């Protein structure tokens, strides 16, 4: 996969290479966010998985290094890390939740934000 384009003299270049980040997931993924060298994956059951790239692999491989099964009562539809504040802000269909990093301890929850 990936987009290709032709340069002069019939040269073909690949703009990027697509690799699966998570090959198997028990639930559908609803949101992704990058946090340093890690990837946060929110699923439809309200769980949060933290993935980290495995060093030394010939292809890019990520492994689940942490999981929070009760991260949210509803599916997270959007996440944003605020590094300067040390938090991740997540949005569901009816609330905003703020969790401290790296503990993921909830510090605030705004209900009925719809």
PDB file of N, CA and C in Angstrom:
ATOM      1  N   UNK A   1       0.827  -1.186   0.000  1.00  0.00           N
ATOM      2  CA  UNK A   1       0.000   0.000   0.000  1.00  0.00           C
ATOM      3  C   UNK A   1       0.854   1.225   0.000  1.00  0.00           C
ATOM      4  N   UNK A   2       0.220   2.349   0.031  1.00  0.00           N
ATOM      5  CA  UNK A   2       0.897   3.630   0.042  1.00  0.00           C
ATOM      6  C   UNK A   2       0.810   4.301  -1.301  1.00  0.00           C
ATOM      7  N   UNK A   3       0.901   5.599  -1.284  1.00  0.00           N
ATOM      8  CA  UNK A   3       0.840   6.350  -2.528  1.00  0.00           C
ATOM      9  C   UNK A   3       2.179   6.285  -3.228  1.00  0.00           C
ATOM     10  N   UNK A   4       2.127   6.171  -4.517  1.00  0.00           N
ATOM     11  CA  UNK A   4       3.355   6.230  -5.299  1.00  0.00           C
ATOM     12  C   UNK A   4       3.207   7.345  -6.314  1.00  0.00           C
ATOM     13  N   UNK A   5       4.305   7.897  -6.688  1.00  0.00           N
ATOM     14  CA  UNK A   5       4.284   8.923  -7.722  1.00  0.00           C
ATOM     15  C   UNK A   5       5.501   8.733  -8.599  1.00  0.00           C
ATOM     16  N   UNK A   6       5.382   9.186  -9.804  1.00  0.00           N
ATOM     17  CA  UNK A   6       6.490   9.032 -10.747  1.00  0.00           C
ATOM     18  C   UNK A   6       7.264  10.340 -10.848  1.00  0.00           C
ATOM     19  N   UNK A   7       8.557  10.206 -10.736  1.00  0.00           N
ATOM     20  CA  UNK A   7       9.432  11.352 -10.935  1.00  0.00           C
ATOM     21  C   UNK A   7       9.919  11.347 -12.372  1.00  0.00           C
ATOM     22  N   UNK A   8      10.870  12.176 -12.673  1.00  0.00           N
ATOM     23  CA  UNK A   8      11.426  12.214 -14.021  1.00  0.00           C
ATOM     24  C   UNK A   8      12.146  10.912 -14.344  1.00  0.00           C
ATOM     25  N   UNK A   9      12.306  10.611 -15.593  1.00  0.00           N
ATOM     26  CA  UNK A   9      13.024   9.432 -16.094  1.00  0.00           C
ATOM     27  C   UNK A   9      12.419   8.127 -15.570  1.00  0.00           C
ATOM     28  N   UNK A  10      11.098   8.077 -15.469  1.00  0.00           N
ATOM     29  CA  UNK A  10      10.353   6.869 -15.081  1.00  0.00           C
ATOM     30  C   UNK A  10      10.751   6.304 -13.715  1.00  0.00           C
ATOM     31  N   UNK A  11      11.100   7.158 -12.752  1.00  0.00           N
ATOM     32  CA  UNK A  11      11.420   6.712 -11.396  1.00  0.00           C
ATOM     33  C   UNK A  11      10.127   6.639 -10.591  1.00  0.00           C
ATOM     34  N   UNK A  12       9.928   5.569  -9.839  1.00  0.00           N
ATOM     35  CA  UNK A  12       8.757   5.424  -8.984  1.00  0.00           C
ATOM     36  C   UNK A  12       9.215   5.524  -7.532  1.00  0.00           C
ATOM     37  N   UNK A  13       8.572   6.390  -6.766  1.00  0.00           N
ATOM     38  CA  UNK A  13       8.915   6.605  -5.365  1.00  0.00           C
ATOM     39  C   UNK A  13       7.705   6.283  -4.498  1.00  0.00           C
ATOM     40  N   UNK A  14       7.942   5.730  -3.345  1.00  0.00           N
ATOM     41  CA  UNK A  14       6.867   5.448  -2.396  1.00  0.00           C
ATOM     42  C   UNK A  14       6.863   6.551  -1.350  1.00  0.00           C
ATOM     43  N   UNK A  15       5.706   7.177  -1.157  1.00  0.00           N
ATOM     44  CA  UNK A  15       5.602   8.277  -0.200  1.00  0.00           C
ATOM     45  C   UNK A  15       5.535   7.766   1.243  1.00  0.00           C
ATOM     46  N   UNK A  16       4.976   6.586   1.456  1.00  0.00           N
ATOM     47  CA  UNK A  16       4.914   5.993   2.778  1.00  0.00           C
ATOM     48  C   UNK A  16       4.621   4.509   2.647  1.00  0.00           C
ATOM     49  N   UNK A  17       4.811   3.809   3.751  1.00  0.00           N
ATOM     50  CA  UNK A  17       4.563   2.369   3.778  1.00  0.00           C
ATOM     51  C   UNK A  17       3.555   2.087   4.879  1.00  0.00           C
ATOM     52  N   UNK A  18       2.498   1.345   4.601  1.00  0.00           N
ATOM     53  CA  UNK A  18       1.447   1.058   5.567  1.00  0.00           C
ATOM     54  C   UNK A  18       1.761  -0.243   6.300  1.00  0.00           C
ATOM     55  N   UNK A  19       1.721  -0.187   7.640  1.00  0.00           N
ATOM     56  CA  UNK A  19       1.900  -1.367   8.484  1.00  0.00           C
ATOM     57  C   UNK A  19       0.768  -1.394   9.499  1.00  0.00           C
ATOM     58  N   UNK A  20       0.197  -2.561   9.790  1.00  0.00           N
ATOM     59  CA  UNK A  20      -0.828  -2.625  10.840  1.00  0.00           C
ATOM     60  C   UNK A  20      -0.190  -2.373  12.200  1.00  0.00           C
ATOM     61  N   UNK A  21      -0.857  -1.578  13.028  1.00  0.00           N
ATOM     62  CA  UNK A  21      -0.356  -1.278  14.364  1.00  0.00           C
ATOM     63  C   UNK A  21      -0.835  -2.341  15.345  1.00  0.00           C
ATOM     64  N   UNK A  22      -2.086  -2.716  15.231  1.00  0.00           N
ATOM     65  CA  UNK A  22      -2.674  -3.716  16.116  1.00  0.00           C
ATOM     66  C   UNK A  22      -3.366  -4.741  15.237  1.00  0.00           C
ATOM     67  N   UNK A  23      -2.824  -5.941  15.204  1.00  0.00           N
ATOM     68  CA  UNK A  23      -3.348  -6.949  14.283  1.00  0.00           C
ATOM     69  C   UNK A  23      -4.625  -7.603  14.776  1.00  0.00           C
ATOM     70  N   UNK A  24      -4.771  -7.767  16.082  1.00  0.00           N
ATOM     71  CA  UNK A  24      -5.973  -8.388  16.635  1.00  0.00           C
ATOM     72  C   UNK A  24      -6.487  -7.543  17.783  1.00  0.00           C
ATOM     73  N   UNK A  25      -7.777  -7.269  17.776  1.00  0.00           N
ATOM     74  CA  UNK A  25      -8.405  -6.528  18.858  1.00  0.00           C
ATOM     75  C   UNK A  25      -9.755  -7.162  19.139  1.00  0.00           C
ATOM     76  N   UNK A  26     -10.060  -7.370  20.425  1.00  0.00           N
ATOM     77  CA  UNK A  26     -11.324  -7.995  20.803  1.00  0.00           C
ATOM     78  C   UNK A  26     -12.502  -7.065  20.532  1.00  0.00           C
ATOM     79  N   UNK A  27     -12.269  -5.755  20.523  1.00  0.00           N
ATOM     80  CA  UNK A  27     -13.325  -4.766  20.299  1.00  0.00           C
ATOM     81  C   UNK A  27     -12.941  -3.837  19.157  1.00  0.00           C
ATOM     82  N   UNK A  28     -13.937  -3.179  18.599  1.00  0.00           N
ATOM     83  CA  UNK A  28     -13.667  -2.204  17.539  1.00  0.00           C
ATOM     84  C   UNK A  28     -12.949  -0.993  18.115  1.00  0.00           C
ATOM     85  N   UNK A  29     -11.997  -0.484  17.366  1.00  0.00           N
ATOM     86  CA  UNK A  29     -11.239   0.704  17.767  1.00  0.00           C
ATOM     87  C   UNK A  29     -12.060   1.943  17.441  1.00  0.00           C
ATOM     88  N   UNK A  30     -12.184   2.855  18.432  1.00  0.00           N
ATOM     89  CA  UNK A  30     -12.974   4.075  18.246  1.00  0.00           C
ATOM     90  C   UNK A  30     -12.119   5.334  18.196  1.00  0.00           C
ATOM     91  N   UNK A  31     -10.898   5.293  18.752  1.00  0.00           N
ATOM     92  CA  UNK A  31     -10.032   6.483  18.743  1.00  0.00           C
ATOM     93  C   UNK A  31      -8.581   6.054  18.940  1.00  0.00           C
ATOM     94  N   UNK A  32      -7.683   6.842  18.357  1.00  0.00           N
ATOM     95  CA  UNK A  32      -6.237   6.637  18.495  1.00  0.00           C
ATOM     96  C   UNK A  32      -5.578   7.951  18.872  1.00  0.00           C
ATOM     97  N   UNK A  33      -4.495   7.876  19.646  1.00  0.00           N
ATOM     98  CA  UNK A  33      -3.721   9.066  19.968  1.00  0.00           C
ATOM     99  C   UNK A  33      -2.276   8.652  20.212  1.00  0.00           C
ATOM    100  N   UNK A  34      -1.337   9.446  19.744  1.00  0.00           N
ATOM    101  CA  UNK A  34       0.085   9.199  19.959  1.00  0.00           C
ATOM    102  C   UNK A  34       0.506   9.922  21.228  1.00  0.00           C
ATOM    103  N   UNK A  35       1.260   9.219  22.055  1.00  0.00           N
ATOM    104  CA  UNK A  35       1.770   9.775  23.311  1.00  0.00           C
ATOM    105  C   UNK A  35       3.242   9.416  23.398  1.00  0.00           C
ATOM    106  N   UNK A  36       4.096  10.330  22.968  1.00  0.00           N
ATOM    107  CA  UNK A  36       5.529  10.054  22.913  1.00  0.00           C
ATOM    108  C   UNK A  36       5.798   8.924  21.943  1.00  0.00           C
ATOM    109  N   UNK A  37       6.403   7.841  22.429  1.00  0.00           N
ATOM    110  CA  UNK A  37       6.689   6.681  21.580  1.00  0.00           C
ATOM    111  C   UNK A  37       5.577   5.636  21.664  1.00  0.00           C
ATOM    112  N   UNK A  38       4.493   5.974  22.350  1.00  0.00           N
ATOM    113  CA  UNK A  38       3.392   5.024  22.534  1.00  0.00           C
ATOM    114  C   UNK A  38       2.170   5.451  21.727  1.00  0.00           C
ATOM    115  N   UNK A  39       1.286   4.486  21.510  1.00  0.00           N
ATOM    116  CA  UNK A  39       0.019   4.758  20.837  1.00  0.00           C
ATOM    117  C   UNK A  39      -1.098   4.320  21.776  1.00  0.00           C
ATOM    118  N   UNK A  40      -2.040   5.234  22.048  1.00  0.00           N
ATOM    119  CA  UNK A  40      -3.201   4.904  22.868  1.00  0.00           C
ATOM    120  C   UNK A  40      -4.333   4.491  21.936  1.00  0.00           C
ATOM    121  N   UNK A  41      -4.973   3.367  22.262  1.00  0.00           N
ATOM    122  CA  UNK A  41      -6.050   2.820  21.439  1.00  0.00           C
ATOM    123  C   UNK A  41      -7.290   2.695  22.317  1.00  0.00           C
ATOM    124  N   UNK A  42      -8.339   3.460  21.996  1.00  0.00           N
ATOM    125  CA  UNK A  42      -9.611   3.363  22.717  1.00  0.00           C
ATOM    126  C   UNK A  42     -10.532   2.439  21.931  1.00  0.00           C
ATOM    127  N   UNK A  43     -11.275   1.594  22.655  1.00  0.00           N
ATOM    128  CA  UNK A  43     -12.166   0.640  21.999  1.00  0.00           C
ATOM    129  C   UNK A  43     -13.616   0.894  22.379  1.00  0.00           C
ATOM    130  N   UNK A  44     -14.530   0.295  21.620  1.00  0.00           N
ATOM    131  CA  UNK A  44     -15.960   0.546  21.793  1.00  0.00           C
ATOM    132  C   UNK A  44     -16.498   0.137  23.160  1.00  0.00           C
ATOM    133  N   UNK A  45     -15.781  -0.723  23.876  1.00  0.00           N
ATOM    134  CA  UNK A  45     -16.237  -1.139  25.204  1.00  0.00           C
ATOM    135  C   UNK A  45     -15.697  -0.242  26.321  1.00  0.00           C
ATOM    136  N   UNK A  46     -15.056   0.877  25.971  1.00  0.00           N
ATOM    137  CA  UNK A  46     -14.554   1.831  26.959  1.00  0.00           C
ATOM    138  C   UNK A  46     -13.162   1.515  27.479  1.00  0.00           C
ATOM    139  N   UNK A  47     -12.526   0.495  26.932  1.00  0.00           N
ATOM    140  CA  UNK A  47     -11.175   0.129  27.361  1.00  0.00           C
ATOM    141  C   UNK A  47     -10.139   0.992  26.643  1.00  0.00           C
ATOM    142  N   UNK A  48      -8.963   1.082  27.241  1.00  0.00           N
ATOM    143  CA  UNK A  48      -7.851   1.810  26.649  1.00  0.00           C
ATOM    144  C   UNK A  48      -6.637   0.904  26.667  1.00  0.00           C
ATOM    145  N   UNK A  49      -6.008   0.732  25.507  1.00  0.00           N
ATOM    146  CA  UNK A  49      -4.780  -0.050  25.412  1.00  0.00           C
ATOM    147  C   UNK A  49      -3.638   0.888  25.072  1.00  0.00           C
ATOM    148  N   UNK A  50      -2.479   0.642  25.702  1.00  0.00           N
ATOM    149  CA  UNK A  50      -1.281   1.422  25.417  1.00  0.00           C
ATOM    150  C   UNK A  50      -0.331   0.498  24.661  1.00  0.00           C
ATOM    151  N   UNK A  51       0.034   0.900  23.444  1.00  0.00           N
ATOM    152  CA  UNK A  51       0.929   0.112  22.610  1.00  0.00           C
ATOM    153  C   UNK A  51       2.283   0.796  22.534  1.00  0.00           C
ATOM    154  N   UNK A  52       3.332  -0.020  22.403  1.00  0.00           N
ATOM    155  CA  UNK A  52       4.672   0.531  22.230  1.00  0.00           C
ATOM    156  C   UNK A  52       5.387  -0.267  21.156  1.00  0.00           C
ATOM    157  N   UNK A  53       6.141   0.443  20.326  1.00  0.00           N
ATOM    158  CA  UNK A  53       6.894  -0.216  19.267  1.00  0.00           C
ATOM    159  C   UNK A  53       7.952  -1.124  19.874  1.00  0.00           C
ATOM    160  N   UNK A  54       8.075  -2.319  19.312  1.00  0.00           N
ATOM    161  CA  UNK A  54       9.050  -3.284  19.791  1.00  0.00           C
ATOM    162  C   UNK A  54      10.369  -3.081  19.057  1.00  0.00           C
ATOM    163  N   UNK A  55      11.459  -2.837  19.785  1.00  0.00           N
ATOM    164  CA  UNK A  55      12.758  -2.587  19.142  1.00  0.00           C
ATOM    165  C   UNK A  55      13.323  -3.849  18.511  1.00  0.00           C
ATOM    166  N   UNK A  56      14.099  -3.644  17.471  1.00  0.00           N
ATOM    167  CA  UNK A  56      14.823  -4.735  16.846  1.00  0.00           C
ATOM    168  C   UNK A  56      14.052  -5.550  15.837  1.00  0.00           C
ATOM    169  N   UNK A  57      12.778  -5.274  15.669  1.00  0.00           N
ATOM    170  CA  UNK A  57      11.992  -6.040  14.698  1.00  0.00           C
ATOM    171  C   UNK A  57      12.333  -5.574  13.286  1.00  0.00           C
ATOM    172  N   UNK A  58      12.262  -6.486  12.325  1.00  0.00           N
ATOM    173  CA  UNK A  58      12.546  -6.133  10.932  1.00  0.00           C
ATOM    174  C   UNK A  58      11.415  -5.309  10.341  1.00  0.00           C
ATOM    175  N   UNK A  59      10.205  -5.524  10.830  1.00  0.00           N
ATOM    176  CA  UNK A  59       9.049  -4.709  10.448  1.00  0.00           C
ATOM    177  C   UNK A  59       8.556  -4.030  11.714  1.00  0.00           C
ATOM    178  N   UNK A  60       7.812  -2.961  11.553  1.00  0.00           N
ATOM    179  CA  UNK A  60       7.293  -2.237  12.706  1.00  0.00           C
ATOM    180  C   UNK A  60       6.253  -3.111  13.404  1.00  0.00           C
ATOM    181  N   UNK A  61       6.502  -3.416  14.678  1.00  0.00           N
ATOM    182  CA  UNK A  61       5.567  -4.201  15.477  1.00  0.00           C
ATOM    183  C   UNK A  61       5.297  -3.482  16.784  1.00  0.00           C
ATOM    184  N   UNK A  62       4.025  -3.466  17.175  1.00  0.00           N
ATOM    185  CA  UNK A  62       3.633  -2.849  18.436  1.00  0.00           C
ATOM    186  C   UNK A  62       3.092  -3.922  19.362  1.00  0.00           C
ATOM    187  N   UNK A  63       3.340  -3.743  20.656  1.00  0.00           N
ATOM    188  CA  UNK A  63       2.866  -4.684  21.669  1.00  0.00           C
ATOM    189  C   UNK A  63       2.077  -3.911  22.720  1.00  0.00           C
ATOM    190  N   UNK A  64       1.014  -4.526  23.255  1.00  0.00           N
ATOM    191  CA  UNK A  64       0.242  -3.908  24.328  1.00  0.00           C
ATOM    192  C   UNK A  64       1.097  -3.950  25.590  1.00  0.00           C
ATOM    193  N   UNK A  65       1.413  -2.756  26.140  1.00  0.00           N
ATOM    194  CA  UNK A  65       2.240  -2.678  27.341  1.00  0.00           C
ATOM    195  C   UNK A  65       1.414  -2.310  28.576  1.00  0.00           C
ATOM    196  N   UNK A  66       0.189  -1.841  28.367  1.00  0.00           N
ATOM    197  CA  UNK A  66      -0.705  -1.500  29.476  1.00  0.00           C
ATOM    198  C   UNK A  66      -2.130  -1.524  28.948  1.00  0.00           C
ATOM    199  N   UNK A  67      -3.070  -1.796  29.840  1.00  0.00           N
ATOM    200  CA  UNK A  67      -4.476  -1.796  29.447  1.00  0.00           C
ATOM    201  C   UNK A  67      -5.322  -1.326  30.614  1.00  0.00           C
ATOM    202  N   UNK A  68      -6.276  -0.462  30.328  1.00  0.00           N
ATOM    203  CA  UNK A  68      -7.235   0.039  31.322  1.00  0.00           C
ATOM    204  C   UNK A  68      -8.622  -0.371  30.862  1.00  0.00           C
ATOM    205  N   UNK A  69      -9.146  -1.440  31.442  1.00  0.00           N
ATOM    206  CA  UNK A  69     -10.433  -1.987  30.991  1.00  0.00           C
ATOM    207  C   UNK A  69     -11.604  -1.052  31.276  1.00  0.00           C
ATOM    208  N   UNK A  70     -11.577  -0.326  32.364  1.00  0.00           N
ATOM    209  CA  UNK A  70     -12.675   0.568  32.738  1.00  0.00           C
ATOM    210  C   UNK A  70     -12.285   2.038  32.546  1.00  0.00           C
ATOM    211  N   UNK A  71     -11.582   2.329  31.470  1.00  0.00           N
ATOM    212  CA  UNK A  71     -11.134   3.702  31.225  1.00  0.00           C
ATOM    213  C   UNK A  71     -12.314   4.657  31.098  1.00  0.00           C
ATOM    214  N   UNK A  72     -13.358   4.241  30.384  1.00  0.00           N
ATOM    215  CA  UNK A  72     -14.532   5.081  30.154  1.00  0.00           C
ATOM    216  C   UNK A  72     -15.784   4.212  30.145  1.00  0.00           C
ATOM    217  N   UNK A  73     -16.902   4.777  30.631  1.00  0.00           N
ATOM    218  CA  UNK A  73     -18.162   4.030  30.620  1.00  0.00           C
ATOM    219  C   UNK A  73     -18.742   3.908  29.211  1.00  0.00           C
ATOM    220  N   UNK A  74     -18.413   4.857  28.358  1.00  0.00           N
ATOM    221  CA  UNK A  74     -18.891   4.860  26.975  1.00  0.00           C
ATOM    222  C   UNK A  74     -17.695   4.880  26.025  1.00  0.00           C
ATOM    223  N   UNK A  75     -17.919   4.534  24.759  1.00  0.00           N
ATOM    224  CA  UNK A  75     -16.801   4.571  23.800  1.00  0.00           C
ATOM    225  C   UNK A  75     -16.211   5.973  23.659  1.00  0.00           C
ATOM    226  N   UNK A  76     -14.884   6.054  23.683  1.00  0.00           N
ATOM    227  CA  UNK A  76     -14.186   7.319  23.451  1.00  0.00           C
ATOM    228  C   UNK A  76     -14.185   7.563  21.945  1.00  0.00           C
ATOM    229  N   UNK A  77     -14.629   8.755  21.536  1.00  0.00           N
ATOM    230  CA  UNK A  77     -14.664   9.066  20.109  1.00  0.00           C
ATOM    231  C   UNK A  77     -13.491   9.952  19.688  1.00  0.00           C
ATOM    232  N   UNK A  78     -12.841  10.578  20.670  1.00  0.00           N
ATOM    233  CA  UNK A  78     -11.693  11.430  20.360  1.00  0.00           C
ATOM    234  C   UNK A  78     -10.819  11.561  21.598  1.00  0.00           C
ATOM    235  N   UNK A  79      -9.486  11.575  21.386  1.00  0.00           N
ATOM    236  CA  UNK A  79      -8.527  11.762  22.480  1.00  0.00           C
ATOM    237  C   UNK A  79      -7.467  12.760  22.049  1.00  0.00           C
ATOM    238  N   UNK A  80      -6.952  13.498  23.038  1.00  0.00           N
ATOM    239  CA  UNK A  80      -5.868  14.437  22.761  1.00  0.00           C
ATOM    240  C   UNK A  80      -4.960  14.491  23.985  1.00  0.00           C
ATOM    241  N   UNK A  81      -3.676  14.272  23.767  1.00  0.00           N
ATOM    242  CA  UNK A  81      -2.693  14.406  24.838  1.00  0.00           C
ATOM    243  C   UNK A  81      -2.287  15.871  24.928  1.00  0.00           C
ATOM    244  N   UNK A  82      -2.293  16.401  26.147  1.00  0.00           N
ATOM    245  CA  UNK A  82      -1.779  17.747  26.412  1.00  0.00           C
ATOM    246  C   UNK A  82      -0.499  17.554  27.223  1.00  0.00           C
ATOM    247  N   UNK A  83       0.629  17.390  26.526  1.00  0.00           N
ATOM    248  CA  UNK A  83       1.909  17.107  27.186  1.00  0.00           C
ATOM    249  C   UNK A  83       2.277  18.153  28.224  1.00  0.00           C
ATOM    250  N   UNK A  84       2.034  19.428  27.903  1.00  0.00           N
ATOM    251  CA  UNK A  84       2.426  20.502  28.821  1.00  0.00           C
ATOM    252  C   UNK A  84       1.653  20.434  30.136  1.00  0.00           C
ATOM    253  N   UNK A  85       0.465  19.820  30.123  1.00  0.00           N
ATOM    254  CA  UNK A  85      -0.342  19.672  31.334  1.00  0.00           C
ATOM    255  C   UNK A  85      -0.220  18.276  31.949  1.00  0.00           C
ATOM    256  N   UNK A  86       0.372  17.355  31.190  1.00  0.00           N
ATOM    257  CA  UNK A  86       0.520  15.988  31.676  1.00  0.00           C
ATOM    258  C   UNK A  86      -0.790  15.234  31.775  1.00  0.00           C
ATOM    259  N   UNK A  87      -1.686  15.480  30.811  1.00  0.00           N
ATOM    260  CA  UNK A  87      -3.001  14.836  30.832  1.00  0.00           C
ATOM    261  C   UNK A  87      -3.390  14.360  29.438  1.00  0.00           C
ATOM    262  N   UNK A  88      -4.385  13.459  29.406  1.00  0.00           N
ATOM    263  CA  UNK A  88      -5.056  13.102  28.167  1.00  0.00           C
ATOM    264  C   UNK A  88      -6.517  13.487  28.350  1.00  0.00           C
ATOM    265  N   UNK A  89      -7.058  14.192  27.356  1.00  0.00           N
ATOM    266  CA  UNK A  89      -8.458  14.608  27.367  1.00  0.00           C
ATOM    267  C   UNK A  89      -9.197  13.710  26.389  1.00  0.00           C
ATOM    268  N   UNK A  90     -10.266  13.086  26.862  1.00  0.00           N
ATOM    269  CA  UNK A  90     -11.037  12.209  25.989  1.00  0.00           C
ATOM    270  C   UNK A  90     -12.488  12.658  25.936  1.00  0.00           C
ATOM    271  N   UNK A  91     -13.098  12.415  24.782  1.00  0.00           N
ATOM    272  CA  UNK A  91     -14.468  12.837  24.521  1.00  0.00           C
ATOM    273  C   UNK A  91     -15.299  11.619  24.178  1.00  0.00           C
ATOM    274  N   UNK A  92     -16.464  11.487  24.828  1.00  0.00           N
ATOM    275  CA  UNK A  92     -17.437  10.464  24.455  1.00  0.00           C
ATOM    276  C   UNK A  92     -18.648  11.200  23.893  1.00  0.00           C
ATOM    277  N   UNK A  93     -19.730  10.486  23.651  1.00  0.00           N
ATOM    278  CA  UNK A  93     -20.916  11.145  23.093  1.00  0.00           C
ATOM    279  C   UNK A  93     -21.562  12.128  24.060  1.00  0.00           C
ATOM    280  N   UNK A  94     -21.306  11.996  25.363  1.00  0.00           N
ATOM    281  CA  UNK A  94     -21.965  12.906  26.306  1.00  0.00           C
ATOM    282  C   UNK A  94     -21.091  13.413  27.449  1.00  0.00           C
ATOM    283  N   UNK A  95     -19.773  13.189  27.384  1.00  0.00           N
ATOM    284  CA  UNK A  95     -18.920  13.717  28.456  1.00  0.00           C
ATOM    285  C   UNK A  95     -17.484  13.930  27.988  1.00  0.00           C
ATOM    286  N   UNK A  96     -16.781  14.743  28.764  1.00  0.00           N
ATOM    287  CA  UNK A  96     -15.347  14.972  28.576  1.00  0.00           C
ATOM    288  C   UNK A  96     -14.665  14.464  29.837  1.00  0.00           C
ATOM    289  N   UNK A  97     -13.585  13.714  29.657  1.00  0.00           N
ATOM    290  CA  UNK A  97     -12.866  13.135  30.786  1.00  0.00           C
ATOM    291  C   UNK A  97     -11.409  13.536  30.688  1.00  0.00           C
ATOM    292  N   UNK A  98     -10.804  13.886  31.824  1.00  0.00           N
ATOM    293  CA  UNK A  98      -9.393  14.253  31.872  1.00  0.00           C
ATOM    294  C   UNK A  98      -8.689  13.271  32.795  1.00  0.00           C
ATOM    295  N   UNK A  99      -7.621  12.638  32.282  1.00  0.00           N
ATOM    296  CA  UNK A  99      -6.845  11.674  33.053  1.00  0.00           C
ATOM    297  C   UNK A  99      -5.394  12.111  33.118  1.00  0.00           C
ATOM    298  N   UNK A 100      -4.789  11.936  34.292  1.00  0.00           N
ATOM    299  CA  UNK A 100      -3.382  12.262  34.509  1.00  0.00           C
ATOM    300  C   UNK A 100      -2.498  11.253  33.780  1.00  0.00           C
ATOM    301  N   UNK A 101      -1.368  11.717  33.286  1.00  0.00           N
ATOM    302  CA  UNK A 101      -0.375  10.837  32.675  1.00  0.00           C
ATOM    303  C   UNK A 101       0.855  10.813  33.570  1.00  0.00           C
ATOM    304  N   UNK A 102       1.479   9.703  33.807  1.00  0.00           N
ATOM    305  CA  UNK A 102       1.291   8.415  33.158  1.00  0.00           C
ATOM    306  C   UNK A 102       0.355   7.464  33.895  1.00  0.00           C
ATOM    307  N   UNK A 103      -0.259   7.876  35.018  1.00  0.00           N
ATOM    308  CA  UNK A 103      -1.055   6.963  35.847  1.00  0.00           C
ATOM    309  C   UNK A 103      -2.447   6.670  35.277  1.00  0.00           C
ATOM    310  N   UNK A 104      -2.953   7.549  34.420  1.00  0.00           N
ATOM    311  CA  UNK A 104      -4.301   7.470  33.860  1.00  0.00           C
ATOM    312  C   UNK A 104      -5.385   7.637  34.926  1.00  0.00           C
ATOM    313  N   UNK A 105      -5.006   8.153  36.086  1.00  0.00           N
ATOM    314  CA  UNK A 105      -5.966   8.435  37.143  1.00  0.00           C
ATOM    315  C   UNK A 105      -6.865   9.587  36.688  1.00  0.00           C
ATOM    316  N   UNK A 106      -8.186   9.422  36.849  1.00  0.00           N
ATOM    317  CA  UNK A 106      -9.118  10.459  36.411  1.00  0.00           C
ATOM    318  C   UNK A 106      -9.010  11.677  37.329  1.00  0.00           C
ATOM    319  N   UNK A 107      -8.823  12.850  36.729  1.00  0.00           N
ATOM    320  CA  UNK A 107      -8.735  14.074  37.532  1.00  0.00           C
ATOM    321  C   UNK A 107      -9.964  14.953  37.371  1.00  0.00           C
ATOM    322  N   UNK A 108     -10.710  14.769  36.271  1.00  0.00           N
ATOM    323  CA  UNK A 108     -11.936  15.563  36.087  1.00  0.00           C
ATOM    324  C   UNK A 108     -12.843  14.854  35.081  1.00  0.00           C
ATOM    325  N   UNK A 109     -14.138  15.090  35.265  1.00  0.00           N
ATOM    326  CA  UNK A 109     -15.125  14.528  34.349  1.00  0.00           C
ATOM    327  C   UNK A 109     -16.252  15.542  34.204  1.00  0.00           C
ATOM    328  N   UNK A 110     -16.477  15.975  32.975  1.00  0.00           N
ATOM    329  CA  UNK A 110     -17.549  16.918  32.701  1.00  0.00           C
ATOM    330  C   UNK A 110     -18.690  16.146  32.070  1.00  0.00           C
ATOM    331  N   UNK A 111     -19.797  16.020  32.801  1.00  0.00           N
ATOM    332  CA  UNK A 111     -20.932  15.231  32.347  1.00  0.00           C
ATOM    333  C   UNK A 111     -21.911  16.069  31.537  1.00  0.00           C
ATOM    334  N   UNK A 112     -22.706  15.411  30.737  1.00  0.00           N
ATOM    335  CA  UNK A 112     -23.750  16.050  29.931  1.00  0.00           C
ATOM    336  C   UNK A 112     -23.224  17.220  29.130  1.00  0.00           C
ATOM    337  N   UNK A 113     -22.159  16.982  28.390  1.00  0.00           N
ATOM    338  CA  UNK A 113     -21.537  18.050  27.594  1.00  0.00           C
ATOM    339  C   UNK A 113     -22.131  18.159  26.202  1.00  0.00           C
ATOM    340  N   UNK A 114     -23.159  17.404  25.956  1.00  0.00           N
ATOM    341  CA  UNK A 114     -23.778  17.398  24.634  1.00  0.00           C
ATOM    342  C   UNK A 114     -24.674  18.576  24.431  1.00  0.00           C
TER     343      UNK A 114
END
